[in-house]
């Protein structure tokens, strides 16, 4: 009996030791990855700072070139306008492409309601641009063991077209 307690103590000690080694290994690996990511982030930041100064030098050169034929204030104003247009174009390039303006989204939502598909959630179809739901077949599919529908007859007593329903008052 005493030998069993001793073995249980050894097993617990071995498990604790293995867990400690695993924790230290994971910690060392995470430190190494963090060090690499920190270095990469520092290089990106330095690259951005140098690019900012390079852009300022180009803007200064454009302003000085315009200053040859124009007054200083006009050259600075034109340079600022050029930089504003470039910034606007870069912002537009950075944005994800959408299906259109707010009016287009409202149009899609309005069209979905009139097509009998209910309002589109958030003004946009759930699956992106296009038809929010797959098209409905003209007749219900045949179910084994049930009465088969007559060819050319739409099931249902009210004969409502699912693509253009008539709402009851």
C-alpha atoms as a PDB file:
ATOM      1  CA  UNK A   1       0.000   0.000   0.000  1.00  0.00           C
ATOM      2  CA  UNK A   2       2.819   2.344   0.855  1.00  0.00           C
ATOM      3  CA  UNK A   3       4.439   1.562  -2.509  1.00  0.00           C
ATOM      4  CA  UNK A   4       1.231   2.656  -4.333  1.00  0.00           C
ATOM      5  CA  UNK A   5       1.252   6.047  -2.589  1.00  0.00           C
ATOM      6  CA  UNK A   6       4.880   6.466  -3.585  1.00  0.00           C
ATOM      7  CA  UNK A   7       4.042   5.696  -7.269  1.00  0.00           C
ATOM      8  CA  UNK A   8       1.127   8.135  -7.233  1.00  0.00           C
ATOM      9  CA  UNK A   9       3.442  10.799  -5.853  1.00  0.00           C
ATOM     10  CA  UNK A  10       5.953  10.075  -8.670  1.00  0.00           C
ATOM     11  CA  UNK A  11       3.208  10.207 -11.290  1.00  0.00           C
ATOM     12  CA  UNK A  12       1.964  13.554  -9.997  1.00  0.00           C
ATOM     13  CA  UNK A  13       5.519  14.875  -9.869  1.00  0.00           C
ATOM     14  CA  UNK A  14       6.155  13.712 -13.464  1.00  0.00           C
ATOM     15  CA  UNK A  15       2.933  15.328 -14.727  1.00  0.00           C
ATOM     16  CA  UNK A  16       3.798  18.612 -12.985  1.00  0.00           C
ATOM     17  CA  UNK A  17       7.299  18.537 -14.445  1.00  0.00           C
ATOM     18  CA  UNK A  18       6.017  17.851 -17.979  1.00  0.00           C
ATOM     19  CA  UNK A  19       3.473  20.675 -17.682  1.00  0.00           C
ATOM     20  CA  UNK A  20       6.226  23.051 -16.535  1.00  0.00           C
ATOM     21  CA  UNK A  21       8.465  22.091 -19.485  1.00  0.00           C
ATOM     22  CA  UNK A  22       5.564  22.548 -21.921  1.00  0.00           C
ATOM     23  CA  UNK A  23       4.762  25.994 -20.473  1.00  0.00           C
ATOM     24  CA  UNK A  24       8.396  27.101 -20.724  1.00  0.00           C
ATOM     25  CA  UNK A  25       8.658  25.857 -24.319  1.00  0.00           C
ATOM     26  CA  UNK A  26       5.482  27.684 -25.352  1.00  0.00           C
ATOM     27  CA  UNK A  27       6.594  30.845 -23.528  1.00  0.00           C
ATOM     28  CA  UNK A  28       9.981  30.791 -25.308  1.00  0.00           C
ATOM     29  CA  UNK A  29       8.316  30.263 -28.688  1.00  0.00           C
ATOM     30  CA  UNK A  30       5.892  33.152 -28.086  1.00  0.00           C
ATOM     31  CA  UNK A  31       8.776  35.432 -27.035  1.00  0.00           C
ATOM     32  CA  UNK A  32      10.635  34.610 -30.253  1.00  0.00           C
ATOM     33  CA  UNK A  33       7.546  35.276 -32.404  1.00  0.00           C
ATOM     34  CA  UNK A  34       6.854  38.530 -30.560  1.00  0.00           C
ATOM     35  CA  UNK A  35      10.452  39.660 -31.041  1.00  0.00           C
ATOM     36  CA  UNK A  36      10.219  39.033 -34.797  1.00  0.00           C
ATOM     37  CA  UNK A  37       6.859  40.840 -35.064  1.00  0.00           C
ATOM     38  CA  UNK A  38       8.173  43.790 -33.055  1.00  0.00           C
ATOM     39  CA  UNK A  39      11.166  44.113 -35.380  1.00  0.00           C
ATOM     40  CA  UNK A  40       8.907  43.950 -38.436  1.00  0.00           C
ATOM     41  CA  UNK A  41       6.565  46.596 -36.982  1.00  0.00           C
ATOM     42  CA  UNK A  42       9.527  48.886 -36.244  1.00  0.00           C
ATOM     43  CA  UNK A  43      10.781  48.548 -39.815  1.00  0.00           C
ATOM     44  CA  UNK A  44       7.303  49.342 -41.201  1.00  0.00           C
ATOM     45  CA  UNK A  45       7.037  52.408 -38.964  1.00  0.00           C
ATOM     46  CA  UNK A  46      10.479  53.637 -40.040  1.00  0.00           C
ATOM     47  CA  UNK A  47       9.539  53.048 -43.669  1.00  0.00           C
ATOM     48  CA  UNK A  48       6.369  55.104 -43.226  1.00  0.00           C
ATOM     49  CA  UNK A  49       8.259  57.975 -41.585  1.00  0.00           C
ATOM     50  CA  UNK A  50      10.835  58.072 -44.387  1.00  0.00           C
ATOM     51  CA  UNK A  51       8.034  57.938 -47.000  1.00  0.00           C
ATOM     52  CA  UNK A  52       6.345  60.880 -45.262  1.00  0.00           C
ATOM     53  CA  UNK A  53       9.532  62.952 -45.503  1.00  0.00           C
ATOM     54  CA  UNK A  54       9.988  61.897 -49.139  1.00  0.00           C
ATOM     55  CA  UNK A  55       6.440  63.045 -49.900  1.00  0.00           C
ATOM     56  CA  UNK A  56       7.106  66.358 -48.177  1.00  0.00           C
ATOM     57  CA  UNK A  57      10.237  66.826 -50.286  1.00  0.00           C
ATOM     58  CA  UNK A  58       8.262  66.116 -53.484  1.00  0.00           C
ATOM     59  CA  UNK A  59       5.558  68.573 -52.413  1.00  0.00           C
ATOM     60  CA  UNK A  60       8.247  71.192 -51.723  1.00  0.00           C
ATOM     61  CA  UNK A  61       9.814  70.576 -55.136  1.00  0.00           C
ATOM     62  CA  UNK A  62       6.445  70.973 -56.870  1.00  0.00           C
ATOM     63  CA  UNK A  63       5.783  74.183 -54.947  1.00  0.00           C
ATOM     64  CA  UNK A  64       9.212  75.592 -55.809  1.00  0.00           C
ATOM     65  CA  UNK A  65       8.762  74.661 -59.472  1.00  0.00           C
ATOM     66  CA  UNK A  66       5.397  76.432 -59.556  1.00  0.00           C
ATOM     67  CA  UNK A  67       6.943  79.399 -57.733  1.00  0.00           C
ATOM     68  CA  UNK A  68       9.090  80.097 -60.785  1.00  0.00           C
ATOM     69  CA  UNK A  69       6.132  81.334 -62.820  1.00  0.00           C
ATOM     70  CA  UNK A  70       3.588  82.174 -60.097  1.00  0.00           C
ATOM     71  CA  UNK A  71       3.510  84.099 -56.832  1.00  0.00           C
ATOM     72  CA  UNK A  72       4.494  82.030 -53.763  1.00  0.00           C
ATOM     73  CA  UNK A  73       0.985  81.933 -52.327  1.00  0.00           C
ATOM     74  CA  UNK A  74      -0.491  80.631 -55.624  1.00  0.00           C
ATOM     75  CA  UNK A  75       2.208  77.943 -55.895  1.00  0.00           C
ATOM     76  CA  UNK A  76       1.482  76.804 -52.326  1.00  0.00           C
ATOM     77  CA  UNK A  77      -2.263  76.765 -52.974  1.00  0.00           C
ATOM     78  CA  UNK A  78      -1.897  74.706 -56.150  1.00  0.00           C
ATOM     79  CA  UNK A  79       0.451  72.271 -54.383  1.00  0.00           C
ATOM     80  CA  UNK A  80      -2.059  71.877 -51.536  1.00  0.00           C
ATOM     81  CA  UNK A  81      -4.867  71.217 -54.040  1.00  0.00           C
ATOM     82  CA  UNK A  82      -2.777  68.571 -55.819  1.00  0.00           C
ATOM     83  CA  UNK A  83      -1.983  66.861 -52.510  1.00  0.00           C
ATOM     84  CA  UNK A  84      -5.681  66.982 -51.551  1.00  0.00           C
ATOM     85  CA  UNK A  85      -6.689  65.277 -54.806  1.00  0.00           C
ATOM     86  CA  UNK A  86      -4.008  62.590 -54.339  1.00  0.00           C
ATOM     87  CA  UNK A  87      -5.140  61.987 -50.729  1.00  0.00           C
ATOM     88  CA  UNK A  88      -8.771  61.685 -51.846  1.00  0.00           C
ATOM     89  CA  UNK A  89      -7.820  59.214 -54.598  1.00  0.00           C
ATOM     90  CA  UNK A  90      -5.759  57.114 -52.168  1.00  0.00           C
ATOM     91  CA  UNK A  91      -8.613  57.064 -49.662  1.00  0.00           C
ATOM     92  CA  UNK A  92     -10.990  55.896 -52.378  1.00  0.00           C
ATOM     93  CA  UNK A  93      -8.559  53.157 -53.397  1.00  0.00           C
ATOM     94  CA  UNK A  94      -8.251  51.992 -49.791  1.00  0.00           C
ATOM     95  CA  UNK A  95     -12.017  51.647 -49.222  1.00  0.00           C
ATOM     96  CA  UNK A  96     -13.668  48.321 -49.985  1.00  0.00           C
ATOM     97  CA  UNK A  97     -15.741  48.459 -53.128  1.00  0.00           C
ATOM     98  CA  UNK A  98     -19.479  48.591 -52.431  1.00  0.00           C
ATOM     99  CA  UNK A  99     -22.411  47.975 -54.732  1.00  0.00           C
ATOM    100  CA  UNK A 100     -23.341  51.634 -54.828  1.00  0.00           C
ATOM    101  CA  UNK A 101     -24.602  54.595 -52.929  1.00  0.00           C
ATOM    102  CA  UNK A 102     -27.201  54.775 -50.198  1.00  0.00           C
ATOM    103  CA  UNK A 103     -29.857  55.429 -52.835  1.00  0.00           C
ATOM    104  CA  UNK A 104     -28.928  52.164 -54.588  1.00  0.00           C
ATOM    105  CA  UNK A 105     -29.174  50.225 -51.302  1.00  0.00           C
ATOM    106  CA  UNK A 106     -32.596  51.769 -50.614  1.00  0.00           C
ATOM    107  CA  UNK A 107     -33.647  50.874 -54.145  1.00  0.00           C
ATOM    108  CA  UNK A 108     -32.634  47.235 -53.574  1.00  0.00           C
ATOM    109  CA  UNK A 109     -34.546  47.113 -50.297  1.00  0.00           C
ATOM    110  CA  UNK A 110     -37.640  48.695 -51.871  1.00  0.00           C
ATOM    111  CA  UNK A 111     -37.492  46.281 -54.817  1.00  0.00           C
ATOM    112  CA  UNK A 112     -37.225  43.267 -52.502  1.00  0.00           C
ATOM    113  CA  UNK A 113     -40.341  44.329 -50.605  1.00  0.00           C
ATOM    114  CA  UNK A 114     -42.378  44.695 -53.793  1.00  0.00           C
ATOM    115  CA  UNK A 115     -41.158  41.370 -55.126  1.00  0.00           C
ATOM    116  CA  UNK A 116     -42.779  39.626 -52.151  1.00  0.00           C
ATOM    117  CA  UNK A 117     -39.464  38.723 -50.579  1.00  0.00           C
ATOM    118  CA  UNK A 118     -39.805  40.913 -47.508  1.00  0.00           C
ATOM    119  CA  UNK A 119     -37.562  43.778 -46.522  1.00  0.00           C
ATOM    120  CA  UNK A 120     -33.857  43.291 -46.981  1.00  0.00           C
ATOM    121  CA  UNK A 121     -31.980  43.348 -43.677  1.00  0.00           C
ATOM    122  CA  UNK A 122     -29.967  46.562 -43.314  1.00  0.00           C
ATOM    123  CA  UNK A 123     -31.084  47.725 -46.731  1.00  0.00           C
ATOM    124  CA  UNK A 124     -28.833  45.195 -48.476  1.00  0.00           C
ATOM    125  CA  UNK A 125     -29.505  41.664 -49.644  1.00  0.00           C
ATOM    126  CA  UNK A 126     -28.084  39.110 -47.204  1.00  0.00           C
ATOM    127  CA  UNK A 127     -25.795  37.492 -49.786  1.00  0.00           C
ATOM    128  CA  UNK A 128     -24.417  40.690 -51.297  1.00  0.00           C
ATOM    129  CA  UNK A 129     -25.393  42.217 -54.594  1.00  0.00           C
ATOM    130  CA  UNK A 130     -28.017  40.547 -56.731  1.00  0.00           C
ATOM    131  CA  UNK A 131     -31.106  38.535 -55.877  1.00  0.00           C
ATOM    132  CA  UNK A 132     -31.368  37.988 -52.120  1.00  0.00           C
ATOM    133  CA  UNK A 133     -33.096  34.609 -52.464  1.00  0.00           C
ATOM    134  CA  UNK A 134     -32.899  31.901 -55.113  1.00  0.00           C
ATOM    135  CA  UNK A 135     -35.727  31.945 -57.671  1.00  0.00           C
ATOM    136  CA  UNK A 136     -38.805  29.887 -56.838  1.00  0.00           C
ATOM    137  CA  UNK A 137     -39.854  27.073 -59.158  1.00  0.00           C
ATOM    138  CA  UNK A 138     -43.220  27.559 -60.931  1.00  0.00           C
ATOM    139  CA  UNK A 139     -44.668  24.419 -59.280  1.00  0.00           C
ATOM    140  CA  UNK A 140     -43.977  22.613 -56.038  1.00  0.00           C
ATOM    141  CA  UNK A 141     -41.680  19.588 -56.302  1.00  0.00           C
ATOM    142  CA  UNK A 142     -43.373  16.183 -56.354  1.00  0.00           C
ATOM    143  CA  UNK A 143     -43.367  14.399 -53.002  1.00  0.00           C
ATOM    144  CA  UNK A 144     -43.323  10.588 -53.112  1.00  0.00           C
ATOM    145  CA  UNK A 145     -46.576   9.147 -51.765  1.00  0.00           C
ATOM    146  CA  UNK A 146     -48.510  12.411 -52.193  1.00  0.00           C
ATOM    147  CA  UNK A 147     -50.938  13.355 -54.929  1.00  0.00           C
ATOM    148  CA  UNK A 148     -48.923  14.626 -57.875  1.00  0.00           C
ATOM    149  CA  UNK A 149     -49.945  18.095 -59.071  1.00  0.00           C
ATOM    150  CA  UNK A 150     -51.603  18.360 -62.427  1.00  0.00           C
ATOM    151  CA  UNK A 151     -49.279  19.597 -65.179  1.00  0.00           C
ATOM    152  CA  UNK A 152     -49.737  23.324 -65.789  1.00  0.00           C
ATOM    153  CA  UNK A 153     -51.732  23.835 -62.551  1.00  0.00           C
ATOM    154  CA  UNK A 154     -50.112  25.794 -59.764  1.00  0.00           C
ATOM    155  CA  UNK A 155     -50.797  24.307 -56.320  1.00  0.00           C
ATOM    156  CA  UNK A 156     -52.694  26.428 -53.825  1.00  0.00           C
ATOM    157  CA  UNK A 157     -56.302  27.545 -53.649  1.00  0.00           C
ATOM    158  CA  UNK A 158     -55.726  31.265 -54.200  1.00  0.00           C
ATOM    159  CA  UNK A 159     -53.497  30.941 -57.290  1.00  0.00           C
ATOM    160  CA  UNK A 160     -51.159  33.721 -56.097  1.00  0.00           C
ATOM    161  CA  UNK A 161     -48.071  34.254 -58.196  1.00  0.00           C
ATOM    162  CA  UNK A 162     -45.110  34.040 -55.731  1.00  0.00           C
ATOM    163  CA  UNK A 163     -43.157  36.626 -57.759  1.00  0.00           C
ATOM    164  CA  UNK A 164     -45.981  39.215 -57.658  1.00  0.00           C
ATOM    165  CA  UNK A 165     -48.334  38.529 -54.703  1.00  0.00           C
ATOM    166  CA  UNK A 166     -51.577  40.400 -54.137  1.00  0.00           C
ATOM    167  CA  UNK A 167     -51.866  41.462 -50.542  1.00  0.00           C
ATOM    168  CA  UNK A 168     -55.241  41.192 -48.895  1.00  0.00           C
ATOM    169  CA  UNK A 169     -56.592  44.191 -46.971  1.00  0.00           C
END
